[in-house]
Amino acid sequence: MIDDPNSETWLTLLVSRQLQQRLAKMSAAQQQSVDELAASLLDAAISDWENLPQTSWTVPLLDAGDGSGDALLTIPDELLASAGLGEGDTLSFEDQGNGTLLLKNAGNEDAELLKIAKKRLDDGEAPINVKIDDL
């Protein structure tokens, strides 16, 4: 008997029992054995995991060639399409400190600030003075 309902063993047992009950109901509804249903669900889950969209890319930095020490970053078309980015978007980069950069669409933040400012003006509220240094 497991006395502590917060223990990992108790929680594992509870989840296992609930899973068995759900699989039994589903297998009866689909007229499959529990083993066949479990195998097909596992196959579907593995297929979903294998087909997840790519969320990170390794892209080499290219020397700008002007002696400045600056680098050029060529962003792959697949990354742009995946992130819904296109020509004319303003991007920002956040250094993650581990050799990676987090790419963000800076235009969305600006657009949201503009919506807030327009709503304040439309509602007759005083505009807010914000300097770039404050952001």
C-alpha atoms as a PDB file:
ATOM      1  CA  MET A   1       0.000   0.000   0.000  1.00  0.00           C
ATOM      2  CA  ILE A   2       1.305   3.443  -0.910  1.00  0.00           C
ATOM      3  CA  ASP A   3       0.614   5.875   1.944  1.00  0.00           C
ATOM      4  CA  ASP A   4       1.811   9.186   0.446  1.00  0.00           C
ATOM      5  CA  PRO A   5      -0.519  10.348  -2.368  1.00  0.00           C
ATOM      6  CA  ASN A   6       2.146  12.858  -3.458  1.00  0.00           C
ATOM      7  CA  SER A   7       4.847  10.263  -4.021  1.00  0.00           C
ATOM      8  CA  GLU A   8       6.120   9.530  -7.520  1.00  0.00           C
ATOM      9  CA  THR A   9       5.145   5.890  -7.169  1.00  0.00           C
ATOM     10  CA  TRP A  10       1.554   6.762  -6.287  1.00  0.00           C
ATOM     11  CA  LEU A  11       1.294   9.261  -9.139  1.00  0.00           C
ATOM     12  CA  THR A  12       2.779   6.770 -11.599  1.00  0.00           C
ATOM     13  CA  LEU A  13       0.287   4.125 -10.477  1.00  0.00           C
ATOM     14  CA  LEU A  14      -2.617   6.588 -10.809  1.00  0.00           C
ATOM     15  CA  VAL A  15      -1.581   7.652 -14.320  1.00  0.00           C
ATOM     16  CA  SER A  16      -1.077   4.033 -15.335  1.00  0.00           C
ATOM     17  CA  ARG A  17      -4.558   3.069 -14.142  1.00  0.00           C
ATOM     18  CA  GLN A  18      -6.176   6.046 -15.872  1.00  0.00           C
ATOM     19  CA  LEU A  19      -4.329   5.231 -19.086  1.00  0.00           C
ATOM     20  CA  GLN A  20      -5.466   1.598 -18.913  1.00  0.00           C
ATOM     21  CA  GLN A  21      -9.085   2.696 -18.416  1.00  0.00           C
ATOM     22  CA  ARG A  22      -8.991   5.144 -21.317  1.00  0.00           C
ATOM     23  CA  LEU A  23      -7.310   2.662 -23.631  1.00  0.00           C
ATOM     24  CA  ALA A  24      -9.934   0.056 -22.728  1.00  0.00           C
ATOM     25  CA  LYS A  25     -12.783   2.474 -23.561  1.00  0.00           C
ATOM     26  CA  MET A  26     -11.138   3.577 -26.820  1.00  0.00           C
ATOM     27  CA  SER A  27     -10.357   0.017 -27.915  1.00  0.00           C
ATOM     28  CA  ALA A  28     -13.961  -1.057 -27.298  1.00  0.00           C
ATOM     29  CA  ALA A  29     -15.254   1.927 -29.296  1.00  0.00           C
ATOM     30  CA  GLN A  30     -12.879   1.211 -32.184  1.00  0.00           C
ATOM     31  CA  GLN A  31     -13.247  -2.551 -31.943  1.00  0.00           C
ATOM     32  CA  GLN A  32      -9.499  -3.077 -31.556  1.00  0.00           C
ATOM     33  CA  SER A  33      -7.512  -4.828 -28.887  1.00  0.00           C
ATOM     34  CA  VAL A  34      -5.848  -2.605 -26.308  1.00  0.00           C
ATOM     35  CA  ASP A  35      -2.437  -3.703 -27.603  1.00  0.00           C
ATOM     36  CA  GLU A  36      -3.310  -2.799 -31.221  1.00  0.00           C
ATOM     37  CA  LEU A  37      -4.704   0.573 -30.180  1.00  0.00           C
ATOM     38  CA  ALA A  38      -1.683   1.351 -27.987  1.00  0.00           C
ATOM     39  CA  ALA A  39       0.675   0.425 -30.832  1.00  0.00           C
ATOM     40  CA  SER A  40      -1.162   2.623 -33.343  1.00  0.00           C
ATOM     41  CA  LEU A  41      -1.256   5.573 -30.898  1.00  0.00           C
ATOM     42  CA  LEU A  42       2.458   5.177 -30.239  1.00  0.00           C
ATOM     43  CA  ASP A  43       3.217   5.016 -33.975  1.00  0.00           C
ATOM     44  CA  ALA A  44       1.163   8.179 -34.561  1.00  0.00           C
ATOM     45  CA  ALA A  45       2.938  10.010 -31.720  1.00  0.00           C
ATOM     46  CA  ILE A  46       6.373   9.026 -33.024  1.00  0.00           C
ATOM     47  CA  SER A  47       5.398  10.159 -36.516  1.00  0.00           C
ATOM     48  CA  ASP A  48       4.240  13.515 -35.107  1.00  0.00           C
ATOM     49  CA  TRP A  49       7.540  13.944 -33.232  1.00  0.00           C
ATOM     50  CA  GLU A  50       9.570  13.108 -36.315  1.00  0.00           C
ATOM     51  CA  ASN A  51       7.645  15.635 -38.392  1.00  0.00           C
ATOM     52  CA  LEU A  52       7.841  18.592 -36.014  1.00  0.00           C
ATOM     53  CA  PRO A  53       8.774  21.816 -37.788  1.00  0.00           C
ATOM     54  CA  GLN A  54      12.377  22.844 -37.435  1.00  0.00           C
ATOM     55  CA  THR A  55      12.792  25.492 -34.721  1.00  0.00           C
ATOM     56  CA  SER A  56      16.525  26.082 -34.799  1.00  0.00           C
ATOM     57  CA  TRP A  57      19.161  26.439 -37.471  1.00  0.00           C
ATOM     58  CA  THR A  58      22.933  26.505 -37.442  1.00  0.00           C
ATOM     59  CA  VAL A  59      24.070  29.325 -39.683  1.00  0.00           C
ATOM     60  CA  PRO A  60      27.704  30.379 -40.170  1.00  0.00           C
ATOM     61  CA  LEU A  61      28.669  34.012 -39.670  1.00  0.00           C
ATOM     62  CA  LEU A  62      30.520  35.532 -42.607  1.00  0.00           C
ATOM     63  CA  ASP A  63      33.251  38.139 -42.246  1.00  0.00           C
ATOM     64  CA  ALA A  64      31.944  41.504 -43.461  1.00  0.00           C
ATOM     65  CA  GLY A  65      35.258  41.929 -45.282  1.00  0.00           C
ATOM     66  CA  ASP A  66      35.636  45.590 -44.375  1.00  0.00           C
ATOM     67  CA  GLY A  67      38.126  45.161 -41.524  1.00  0.00           C
ATOM     68  CA  SER A  68      35.522  46.196 -38.924  1.00  0.00           C
ATOM     69  CA  GLY A  69      35.268  42.789 -37.287  1.00  0.00           C
ATOM     70  CA  ASP A  70      31.550  42.789 -38.082  1.00  0.00           C
ATOM     71  CA  ALA A  71      29.898  39.660 -39.361  1.00  0.00           C
ATOM     72  CA  LEU A  72      27.090  38.979 -41.788  1.00  0.00           C
ATOM     73  CA  LEU A  73      24.334  36.538 -40.993  1.00  0.00           C
ATOM     74  CA  THR A  74      22.483  34.968 -43.906  1.00  0.00           C
ATOM     75  CA  ILE A  75      19.050  33.892 -42.725  1.00  0.00           C
ATOM     76  CA  PRO A  76      17.793  30.753 -44.512  1.00  0.00           C
ATOM     77  CA  ASP A  77      14.515  31.066 -46.426  1.00  0.00           C
ATOM     78  CA  GLU A  78      13.126  28.097 -44.445  1.00  0.00           C
ATOM     79  CA  LEU A  79      13.686  29.984 -41.178  1.00  0.00           C
ATOM     80  CA  LEU A  80      11.973  33.101 -42.513  1.00  0.00           C
ATOM     81  CA  ALA A  81       8.998  31.098 -43.789  1.00  0.00           C
ATOM     82  CA  SER A  82       8.726  29.104 -40.564  1.00  0.00           C
ATOM     83  CA  ALA A  83       8.720  32.284 -38.454  1.00  0.00           C
ATOM     84  CA  GLY A  84       6.318  34.091 -40.784  1.00  0.00           C
ATOM     85  CA  LEU A  85       8.930  36.711 -41.605  1.00  0.00           C
ATOM     86  CA  GLY A  86       9.430  38.456 -44.892  1.00  0.00           C
ATOM     87  CA  GLU A  87      11.005  41.352 -46.702  1.00  0.00           C
ATOM     88  CA  GLY A  88      10.568  44.628 -44.830  1.00  0.00           C
ATOM     89  CA  ASP A  89      10.244  43.060 -41.359  1.00  0.00           C
ATOM     90  CA  THR A  90      12.422  44.555 -38.638  1.00  0.00           C
ATOM     91  CA  LEU A  91      14.279  41.878 -36.714  1.00  0.00           C
ATOM     92  CA  SER A  92      15.984  41.961 -33.358  1.00  0.00           C
ATOM     93  CA  PHE A  93      18.523  39.489 -32.035  1.00  0.00           C
ATOM     94  CA  GLU A  94      19.003  38.492 -28.414  1.00  0.00           C
ATOM     95  CA  ASP A  95      22.320  36.882 -27.471  1.00  0.00           C
ATOM     96  CA  GLN A  96      21.537  33.790 -25.413  1.00  0.00           C
ATOM     97  CA  GLY A  97      25.101  33.692 -24.061  1.00  0.00           C
ATOM     98  CA  ASN A  98      25.736  30.139 -25.237  1.00  0.00           C
ATOM     99  CA  GLY A  99      26.676  30.839 -28.840  1.00  0.00           C
ATOM    100  CA  THR A 100      23.077  31.157 -29.975  1.00  0.00           C
ATOM    101  CA  LEU A 101      20.909  34.106 -30.949  1.00  0.00           C
ATOM    102  CA  LEU A 102      17.168  34.418 -30.423  1.00  0.00           C
ATOM    103  CA  LEU A 103      15.569  35.999 -33.485  1.00  0.00           C
ATOM    104  CA  LYS A 104      12.478  38.163 -32.960  1.00  0.00           C
ATOM    105  CA  ASN A 105      10.252  40.220 -35.193  1.00  0.00           C
ATOM    106  CA  ALA A 106      10.783  43.666 -33.653  1.00  0.00           C
ATOM    107  CA  GLY A 107       8.074  45.128 -35.859  1.00  0.00           C
ATOM    108  CA  ASN A 108       5.371  43.359 -33.844  1.00  0.00           C
ATOM    109  CA  GLU A 109       6.366  45.154 -30.646  1.00  0.00           C
ATOM    110  CA  ASP A 110       6.361  48.510 -32.426  1.00  0.00           C
ATOM    111  CA  ALA A 111       2.966  47.797 -33.963  1.00  0.00           C
ATOM    112  CA  GLU A 112       1.538  46.910 -30.556  1.00  0.00           C
ATOM    113  CA  LEU A 113       2.908  50.124 -29.023  1.00  0.00           C
ATOM    114  CA  LEU A 114       1.355  52.111 -31.870  1.00  0.00           C
ATOM    115  CA  LYS A 115      -2.025  50.448 -31.281  1.00  0.00           C
ATOM    116  CA  ILE A 116      -1.875  51.333 -27.572  1.00  0.00           C
ATOM    117  CA  ALA A 117      -0.893  54.937 -28.324  1.00  0.00           C
ATOM    118  CA  LYS A 118      -3.667  55.295 -30.944  1.00  0.00           C
ATOM    119  CA  LYS A 119      -6.264  53.884 -28.544  1.00  0.00           C
ATOM    120  CA  ARG A 120      -5.156  56.328 -25.821  1.00  0.00           C
ATOM    121  CA  LEU A 121      -5.498  59.247 -28.226  1.00  0.00           C
ATOM    122  CA  ASP A 122      -8.864  57.997 -29.532  1.00  0.00           C
ATOM    123  CA  ASP A 123     -10.112  57.700 -25.935  1.00  0.00           C
ATOM    124  CA  GLY A 124      -9.037  61.296 -25.234  1.00  0.00           C
ATOM    125  CA  GLU A 125      -6.223  60.291 -22.901  1.00  0.00           C
ATOM    126  CA  ALA A 126      -2.968  62.187 -22.805  1.00  0.00           C
ATOM    127  CA  PRO A 127      -0.154  60.744 -24.916  1.00  0.00           C
ATOM    128  CA  ILE A 128       2.707  59.027 -23.134  1.00  0.00           C
ATOM    129  CA  ASN A 129       6.199  60.388 -23.685  1.00  0.00           C
ATOM    130  CA  VAL A 130       8.583  57.478 -24.069  1.00  0.00           C
ATOM    131  CA  LYS A 131      12.225  57.827 -25.047  1.00  0.00           C
ATOM    132  CA  ILE A 132      13.964  55.005 -26.870  1.00  0.00           C
ATOM    133  CA  ASP A 133      16.413  54.802 -23.935  1.00  0.00           C
ATOM    134  CA  ASP A 134      13.472  53.946 -21.639  1.00  0.00           C
ATOM    135  CA  LEU A 135      12.603  50.797 -23.588  1.00  0.00           C
END
